[in-house]
Amino acid sequence: MVAEQTAPGKFELVGFTVDLEAGSRDRFDSLPEPHSQQMDRILLENSGRAGRVDYLGEWHSHPTFPPIPSEIDVASMTDMVENSGPSFAALVIVRLMGNASIQATITTFQRGQLPETGQLIIANAVPEAGLGEGWKPSEH
């Protein structure tokens, strides 16, 4: 996920990567190359906001169970912030419900701290995606 920090602790999602090749219904995996190419495209599309738009974290779905991080999710995200690149990252997990609505959670991970559940606000939902009414494009 790529986002712009709009205020301390507040981020606006500007893009996210999708991997249709790796993983399965029961296991999330990703291939670095497709994500890298998509990240480059998202950053280029938002180059006018250079310095304000950056990597925020990861996302995936839990199609058949609640959108709560599994032990594997927590271990993977914790390892990332403790031992590699970013010192902060968010994990968004979504679940499409039968009535075309979504359930979603966000958990934040910060180096040296325990994971925290955050507040996820879904604004500007796209009507044709069944995510809500009142959609309008961002004015940036």
N, C-alpha and C. Protein backbone atom coordinates (compact mmCIF):
# COMPACT_ATOMS: atom_id res chain seq x y z
N MET A 1 0.85 -1.17 0.00
CA MET A 1 0.00 0.00 0.00
C MET A 1 0.89 1.23 0.00
N VAL A 2 0.43 2.25 -0.70
CA VAL A 2 1.12 3.53 -0.76
C VAL A 2 0.14 4.59 -0.27
N ALA A 3 0.62 5.48 0.60
CA ALA A 3 -0.28 6.48 1.18
C ALA A 3 0.43 7.80 1.38
N GLU A 4 -0.38 8.83 1.53
CA GLU A 4 0.11 10.16 1.89
C GLU A 4 -0.26 10.40 3.35
N GLN A 5 0.72 10.84 4.14
CA GLN A 5 0.42 11.19 5.53
C GLN A 5 -0.20 12.58 5.52
N THR A 6 -1.45 12.68 5.97
CA THR A 6 -2.18 13.95 5.94
C THR A 6 -2.15 14.68 7.27
N ALA A 7 -1.84 13.96 8.33
CA ALA A 7 -1.72 14.52 9.69
C ALA A 7 -1.01 13.45 10.52
N PRO A 8 -0.51 13.81 11.69
CA PRO A 8 0.12 12.79 12.52
C PRO A 8 -0.83 11.61 12.77
N GLY A 9 -0.40 10.43 12.38
CA GLY A 9 -1.20 9.22 12.58
C GLY A 9 -2.34 9.04 11.59
N LYS A 10 -2.45 9.91 10.58
CA LYS A 10 -3.52 9.81 9.58
C LYS A 10 -2.91 9.70 8.19
N PHE A 11 -3.42 8.73 7.42
CA PHE A 11 -2.90 8.46 6.10
C PHE A 11 -4.04 8.32 5.11
N GLU A 12 -3.82 8.78 3.90
CA GLU A 12 -4.79 8.60 2.82
C GLU A 12 -4.17 7.66 1.80
N LEU A 13 -4.82 6.53 1.57
CA LEU A 13 -4.33 5.55 0.62
C LEU A 13 -4.40 6.13 -0.79
N VAL A 14 -3.29 6.04 -1.52
CA VAL A 14 -3.28 6.52 -2.90
C VAL A 14 -3.10 5.39 -3.91
N GLY A 15 -2.75 4.20 -3.43
CA GLY A 15 -2.60 3.07 -4.33
C GLY A 15 -2.19 1.82 -3.57
N PHE A 16 -2.37 0.68 -4.24
CA PHE A 16 -1.94 -0.58 -3.64
C PHE A 16 -1.60 -1.55 -4.75
N THR A 17 -0.77 -2.52 -4.43
CA THR A 17 -0.36 -3.51 -5.41
C THR A 17 -1.23 -4.75 -5.28
N VAL A 18 -1.31 -5.49 -6.38
CA VAL A 18 -2.10 -6.72 -6.43
C VAL A 18 -1.25 -7.79 -7.10
N ASP A 19 -1.23 -8.98 -6.54
CA ASP A 19 -0.50 -10.10 -7.13
C ASP A 19 -1.50 -11.20 -7.45
N LEU A 20 -1.78 -11.38 -8.73
CA LEU A 20 -2.75 -12.39 -9.16
C LEU A 20 -2.09 -13.73 -9.47
N GLU A 21 -0.76 -13.79 -9.37
CA GLU A 21 -0.04 -15.00 -9.75
C GLU A 21 0.32 -15.89 -8.56
N ALA A 22 0.69 -15.30 -7.44
CA ALA A 22 1.18 -16.08 -6.30
C ALA A 22 0.09 -16.21 -5.24
N GLY A 23 0.29 -17.16 -4.35
CA GLY A 23 -0.66 -17.35 -3.26
C GLY A 23 -1.82 -18.23 -3.67
N SER A 24 -2.71 -18.42 -2.72
CA SER A 24 -3.90 -19.24 -2.96
C SER A 24 -5.02 -18.68 -2.10
N ARG A 25 -6.16 -19.33 -2.16
CA ARG A 25 -7.30 -18.88 -1.36
C ARG A 25 -6.99 -18.95 0.14
N ASP A 26 -6.10 -19.86 0.51
CA ASP A 26 -5.80 -20.07 1.93
C ASP A 26 -4.46 -19.50 2.38
N ARG A 27 -3.67 -18.98 1.46
CA ARG A 27 -2.32 -18.53 1.83
C ARG A 27 -1.91 -17.37 0.95
N PHE A 28 -1.49 -16.28 1.60
CA PHE A 28 -1.02 -15.11 0.86
C PHE A 28 0.48 -15.24 0.61
N ASP A 29 0.87 -15.11 -0.63
CA ASP A 29 2.27 -15.03 -1.03
C ASP A 29 2.34 -13.91 -2.05
N SER A 30 3.53 -13.41 -2.26
CA SER A 30 3.67 -12.38 -3.29
C SER A 30 5.02 -12.52 -3.96
N LEU A 31 5.05 -12.12 -5.21
CA LEU A 31 6.28 -12.12 -5.98
C LEU A 31 6.82 -10.70 -6.00
N PRO A 32 8.10 -10.51 -5.68
CA PRO A 32 8.65 -9.15 -5.58
C PRO A 32 8.55 -8.32 -6.87
N GLU A 33 8.77 -8.94 -8.03
CA GLU A 33 8.82 -8.17 -9.28
C GLU A 33 7.51 -7.46 -9.62
N PRO A 34 6.35 -8.16 -9.61
CA PRO A 34 5.11 -7.43 -9.92
C PRO A 34 4.84 -6.29 -8.94
N HIS A 35 5.12 -6.52 -7.67
CA HIS A 35 4.88 -5.47 -6.66
C HIS A 35 5.82 -4.29 -6.88
N SER A 36 7.06 -4.56 -7.20
CA SER A 36 8.03 -3.49 -7.44
C SER A 36 7.60 -2.63 -8.63
N GLN A 37 7.18 -3.28 -9.71
CA GLN A 37 6.72 -2.54 -10.90
C GLN A 37 5.49 -1.70 -10.58
N GLN A 38 4.54 -2.28 -9.86
CA GLN A 38 3.32 -1.55 -9.51
C GLN A 38 3.63 -0.39 -8.56
N MET A 39 4.53 -0.62 -7.59
CA MET A 39 4.92 0.46 -6.66
C MET A 39 5.55 1.62 -7.42
N ASP A 40 6.45 1.30 -8.37
CA ASP A 40 7.09 2.35 -9.17
C ASP A 40 6.04 3.17 -9.92
N ARG A 41 5.02 2.48 -10.49
CA ARG A 41 3.96 3.18 -11.23
C ARG A 41 3.16 4.09 -10.29
N ILE A 42 2.80 3.59 -9.12
CA ILE A 42 2.02 4.39 -8.16
C ILE A 42 2.81 5.62 -7.73
N LEU A 43 4.09 5.43 -7.43
CA LEU A 43 4.92 6.56 -7.00
C LEU A 43 5.08 7.58 -8.12
N LEU A 44 5.23 7.10 -9.37
CA LEU A 44 5.33 8.01 -10.52
C LEU A 44 4.04 8.80 -10.69
N GLU A 45 2.90 8.13 -10.58
CA GLU A 45 1.60 8.81 -10.71
C GLU A 45 1.39 9.86 -9.63
N ASN A 46 2.08 9.73 -8.52
CA ASN A 46 1.94 10.67 -7.40
C ASN A 46 3.20 11.51 -7.19
N SER A 47 3.98 11.66 -8.25
CA SER A 47 5.25 12.38 -8.13
C SER A 47 5.06 13.84 -7.74
N GLY A 48 3.90 14.41 -7.99
CA GLY A 48 3.61 15.77 -7.57
C GLY A 48 3.52 15.91 -6.06
N ARG A 49 3.38 14.79 -5.39
CA ARG A 49 3.33 14.79 -3.93
C ARG A 49 4.61 14.19 -3.35
N ALA A 50 5.71 14.34 -4.07
CA ALA A 50 6.99 13.77 -3.65
C ALA A 50 7.31 14.20 -2.22
N GLY A 51 7.80 13.25 -1.45
CA GLY A 51 8.13 13.53 -0.06
C GLY A 51 6.97 13.33 0.89
N ARG A 52 5.75 13.27 0.35
CA ARG A 52 4.57 13.07 1.19
C ARG A 52 3.92 11.71 0.97
N VAL A 53 4.27 11.07 -0.14
CA VAL A 53 3.68 9.78 -0.49
C VAL A 53 4.77 8.71 -0.38
N ASP A 54 4.45 7.62 0.33
CA ASP A 54 5.45 6.58 0.53
C ASP A 54 4.76 5.25 0.85
N TYR A 55 5.56 4.22 0.95
CA TYR A 55 5.09 2.89 1.34
C TYR A 55 4.44 2.97 2.72
N LEU A 56 3.25 2.40 2.85
CA LEU A 56 2.56 2.37 4.13
C LEU A 56 2.54 0.98 4.74
N GLY A 57 2.39 -0.04 3.91
CA GLY A 57 2.33 -1.38 4.45
C GLY A 57 1.75 -2.37 3.45
N GLU A 58 1.17 -3.42 3.99
CA GLU A 58 0.68 -4.54 3.20
C GLU A 58 -0.83 -4.70 3.38
N TRP A 59 -1.44 -5.41 2.44
CA TRP A 59 -2.86 -5.73 2.57
C TRP A 59 -3.09 -7.11 1.98
N HIS A 60 -4.09 -7.77 2.43
CA HIS A 60 -4.57 -9.00 1.81
C HIS A 60 -5.98 -9.29 2.32
N SER A 61 -6.57 -10.33 1.78
CA SER A 61 -7.93 -10.67 2.20
C SER A 61 -7.94 -11.95 3.02
N HIS A 62 -8.96 -12.08 3.82
CA HIS A 62 -9.30 -13.32 4.50
C HIS A 62 -10.69 -13.69 3.98
N PRO A 63 -10.76 -14.41 2.87
CA PRO A 63 -12.06 -14.65 2.23
C PRO A 63 -13.06 -15.43 3.07
N THR A 64 -12.58 -16.32 3.93
CA THR A 64 -13.51 -17.22 4.61
C THR A 64 -13.52 -17.08 6.13
N PHE A 65 -12.76 -16.14 6.67
CA PHE A 65 -12.78 -15.95 8.12
C PHE A 65 -12.56 -14.49 8.45
N PRO A 66 -12.80 -14.07 9.69
CA PRO A 66 -12.75 -12.65 10.04
C PRO A 66 -11.41 -11.99 9.68
N PRO A 67 -11.46 -10.71 9.33
CA PRO A 67 -10.25 -9.99 8.90
C PRO A 67 -9.38 -9.55 10.08
N ILE A 68 -8.88 -10.54 10.80
CA ILE A 68 -8.03 -10.30 11.96
C ILE A 68 -6.67 -10.92 11.65
N PRO A 69 -5.57 -10.23 11.95
CA PRO A 69 -4.25 -10.79 11.63
C PRO A 69 -4.02 -12.15 12.30
N SER A 70 -3.53 -13.09 11.50
CA SER A 70 -3.18 -14.40 12.03
C SER A 70 -1.81 -14.31 12.71
N GLU A 71 -1.41 -15.39 13.37
CA GLU A 71 -0.07 -15.43 13.97
C GLU A 71 0.99 -15.24 12.89
N ILE A 72 0.77 -15.82 11.72
CA ILE A 72 1.72 -15.68 10.61
C ILE A 72 1.77 -14.22 10.16
N ASP A 73 0.61 -13.57 10.05
CA ASP A 73 0.57 -12.15 9.66
C ASP A 73 1.38 -11.31 10.64
N VAL A 74 1.14 -11.50 11.93
CA VAL A 74 1.81 -10.70 12.96
C VAL A 74 3.32 -10.96 12.93
N ALA A 75 3.71 -12.22 12.82
CA ALA A 75 5.14 -12.56 12.79
C ALA A 75 5.82 -11.94 11.58
N SER A 76 5.18 -12.01 10.42
CA SER A 76 5.75 -11.47 9.19
C SER A 76 5.91 -9.95 9.26
N MET A 77 4.88 -9.26 9.70
CA MET A 77 4.94 -7.80 9.78
C MET A 77 5.93 -7.34 10.85
N THR A 78 5.94 -8.04 11.98
CA THR A 78 6.88 -7.70 13.05
C THR A 78 8.31 -7.88 12.58
N ASP A 79 8.58 -8.98 11.89
CA ASP A 79 9.92 -9.23 11.35
C ASP A 79 10.32 -8.12 10.38
N MET A 80 9.39 -7.69 9.55
CA MET A 80 9.71 -6.64 8.58
C MET A 80 10.13 -5.35 9.28
N VAL A 81 9.37 -4.89 10.26
CA VAL A 81 9.70 -3.60 10.89
C VAL A 81 10.88 -3.71 11.85
N GLU A 82 11.12 -4.89 12.39
CA GLU A 82 12.24 -5.05 13.32
C GLU A 82 13.56 -5.32 12.60
N ASN A 83 13.51 -5.97 11.44
CA ASN A 83 14.74 -6.48 10.84
C ASN A 83 15.03 -6.03 9.41
N SER A 84 14.15 -5.28 8.80
CA SER A 84 14.44 -4.84 7.43
C SER A 84 14.00 -3.39 7.27
N GLY A 85 13.71 -2.99 6.07
CA GLY A 85 13.41 -1.62 5.69
C GLY A 85 12.69 -0.71 6.65
N PRO A 86 11.36 -0.64 6.57
CA PRO A 86 10.64 0.40 7.30
C PRO A 86 10.58 0.14 8.80
N SER A 87 10.57 1.21 9.58
CA SER A 87 10.42 1.07 11.04
C SER A 87 8.95 1.13 11.44
N PHE A 88 8.08 1.41 10.47
CA PHE A 88 6.63 1.48 10.69
C PHE A 88 5.94 0.89 9.47
N ALA A 89 4.90 0.11 9.69
CA ALA A 89 4.09 -0.40 8.58
C ALA A 89 2.70 -0.74 9.11
N ALA A 90 1.74 -0.71 8.21
CA ALA A 90 0.36 -1.06 8.54
C ALA A 90 -0.03 -2.31 7.76
N LEU A 91 -0.91 -3.09 8.34
CA LEU A 91 -1.47 -4.25 7.67
C LEU A 91 -2.98 -4.09 7.63
N VAL A 92 -3.53 -4.06 6.43
CA VAL A 92 -4.98 -4.00 6.24
C VAL A 92 -5.43 -5.38 5.76
N ILE A 93 -6.45 -5.90 6.41
CA ILE A 93 -7.03 -7.18 6.00
C ILE A 93 -8.50 -6.94 5.70
N VAL A 94 -8.94 -7.42 4.54
CA VAL A 94 -10.32 -7.20 4.12
C VAL A 94 -11.02 -8.54 3.90
N ARG A 95 -12.33 -8.50 4.02
CA ARG A 95 -13.17 -9.66 3.75
C ARG A 95 -14.42 -9.19 3.05
N LEU A 96 -14.68 -9.73 1.87
CA LEU A 96 -15.89 -9.42 1.12
C LEU A 96 -17.03 -10.26 1.69
N MET A 97 -18.09 -9.59 2.08
CA MET A 97 -19.24 -10.28 2.66
C MET A 97 -20.25 -10.61 1.57
N GLY A 98 -21.19 -11.47 1.88
CA GLY A 98 -22.18 -11.92 0.91
C GLY A 98 -23.06 -10.82 0.35
N ASN A 99 -23.25 -9.74 1.08
CA ASN A 99 -24.11 -8.65 0.61
C ASN A 99 -23.31 -7.57 -0.10
N ALA A 100 -22.13 -7.92 -0.61
CA ALA A 100 -21.24 -7.02 -1.35
C ALA A 100 -20.69 -5.89 -0.49
N SER A 101 -20.74 -6.04 0.82
CA SER A 101 -20.08 -5.08 1.69
C SER A 101 -18.75 -5.68 2.13
N ILE A 102 -17.93 -4.87 2.74
CA ILE A 102 -16.65 -5.40 3.20
C ILE A 102 -16.49 -5.20 4.70
N GLN A 103 -15.75 -6.10 5.30
CA GLN A 103 -15.24 -5.94 6.65
C GLN A 103 -13.75 -5.69 6.47
N ALA A 104 -13.18 -4.81 7.27
CA ALA A 104 -11.76 -4.53 7.13
C ALA A 104 -11.18 -4.09 8.47
N THR A 105 -9.92 -4.45 8.69
CA THR A 105 -9.21 -4.02 9.89
C THR A 105 -7.85 -3.47 9.48
N ILE A 106 -7.29 -2.64 10.34
CA ILE A 106 -5.93 -2.16 10.14
C ILE A 106 -5.17 -2.36 11.45
N THR A 107 -3.98 -2.90 11.33
CA THR A 107 -3.10 -3.10 12.48
C THR A 107 -1.78 -2.43 12.15
N THR A 108 -1.25 -1.65 13.09
CA THR A 108 0.01 -0.96 12.84
C THR A 108 1.14 -1.66 13.60
N PHE A 109 2.30 -1.62 12.98
CA PHE A 109 3.50 -2.25 13.52
C PHE A 109 4.60 -1.20 13.53
N GLN A 110 5.23 -1.02 14.68
CA GLN A 110 6.30 -0.03 14.81
C GLN A 110 7.47 -0.67 15.56
N ARG A 111 8.68 -0.41 15.05
CA ARG A 111 9.88 -1.00 15.63
C ARG A 111 9.91 -0.77 17.14
N GLY A 112 10.15 -1.85 17.88
CA GLY A 112 10.29 -1.77 19.33
C GLY A 112 8.98 -1.71 20.09
N GLN A 113 7.83 -1.82 19.38
CA GLN A 113 6.54 -1.73 20.06
C GLN A 113 5.65 -2.91 19.66
N LEU A 114 4.65 -3.16 20.47
CA LEU A 114 3.68 -4.20 20.15
C LEU A 114 2.74 -3.72 19.05
N PRO A 115 2.18 -4.64 18.25
CA PRO A 115 1.19 -4.24 17.23
C PRO A 115 -0.01 -3.57 17.88
N GLU A 116 -0.60 -2.62 17.17
CA GLU A 116 -1.79 -1.92 17.66
C GLU A 116 -2.89 -1.95 16.61
N THR A 117 -4.12 -2.13 17.07
CA THR A 117 -5.27 -2.03 16.18
C THR A 117 -5.55 -0.56 15.94
N GLY A 118 -5.72 -0.20 14.68
CA GLY A 118 -5.99 1.18 14.33
C GLY A 118 -7.43 1.36 13.89
N GLN A 119 -7.76 2.58 13.54
CA GLN A 119 -9.10 2.90 13.03
C GLN A 119 -9.00 3.05 11.52
N LEU A 120 -9.78 2.29 10.80
CA LEU A 120 -9.79 2.32 9.35
C LEU A 120 -11.07 3.00 8.89
N ILE A 121 -10.93 4.10 8.18
CA ILE A 121 -12.09 4.83 7.66
C ILE A 121 -12.10 4.66 6.16
N ILE A 122 -13.18 4.10 5.63
CA ILE A 122 -13.31 3.90 4.20
C ILE A 122 -14.15 5.04 3.65
N ALA A 123 -13.49 5.96 2.97
CA ALA A 123 -14.15 7.13 2.39
C ALA A 123 -14.01 7.07 0.88
N ASN A 124 -14.82 7.84 0.19
CA ASN A 124 -14.76 7.89 -1.27
C ASN A 124 -14.91 6.50 -1.88
N ALA A 125 -15.81 5.69 -1.33
CA ALA A 125 -16.03 4.35 -1.84
C ALA A 125 -16.59 4.42 -3.26
N VAL A 126 -16.23 3.46 -4.07
CA VAL A 126 -16.65 3.43 -5.47
C VAL A 126 -17.97 2.66 -5.57
N PRO A 127 -19.06 3.30 -6.03
CA PRO A 127 -20.37 2.64 -6.07
C PRO A 127 -20.37 1.33 -6.84
N GLU A 128 -19.73 1.30 -8.02
CA GLU A 128 -19.77 0.08 -8.83
C GLU A 128 -19.02 -1.07 -8.17
N ALA A 129 -18.20 -0.77 -7.17
CA ALA A 129 -17.52 -1.83 -6.43
C ALA A 129 -18.38 -2.31 -5.26
N GLY A 130 -19.53 -1.68 -5.06
CA GLY A 130 -20.41 -2.09 -3.98
C GLY A 130 -19.91 -1.69 -2.61
N LEU A 131 -19.08 -0.65 -2.55
CA LEU A 131 -18.49 -0.26 -1.27
C LEU A 131 -19.18 0.91 -0.62
N GLY A 132 -20.20 1.44 -1.22
CA GLY A 132 -20.92 2.53 -0.57
C GLY A 132 -21.41 3.56 -1.55
N GLU A 133 -22.12 4.53 -1.03
CA GLU A 133 -22.65 5.59 -1.88
C GLU A 133 -21.91 6.88 -1.59
N GLY A 134 -22.13 7.86 -2.42
CA GLY A 134 -21.53 9.16 -2.20
C GLY A 134 -20.10 9.26 -2.67
N TRP A 135 -19.68 8.39 -3.57
CA TRP A 135 -18.32 8.41 -4.06
C TRP A 135 -18.06 9.66 -4.88
N LYS A 136 -16.92 10.26 -4.67
CA LYS A 136 -16.44 11.32 -5.55
C LYS A 136 -14.93 11.22 -5.58
N PRO A 137 -14.32 11.58 -6.69
CA PRO A 137 -12.86 11.45 -6.77
C PRO A 137 -12.17 12.42 -5.82
N SER A 138 -10.98 12.03 -5.37
CA SER A 138 -10.18 12.93 -4.53
C SER A 138 -9.83 14.17 -5.32
N GLU A 139 -9.74 15.27 -4.63
CA GLU A 139 -9.40 16.53 -5.28
C GLU A 139 -7.96 16.88 -4.96
N HIS A 140 -7.02 16.27 -5.69
CA HIS A 140 -5.60 16.53 -5.47
C HIS A 140 -4.99 17.09 -6.71
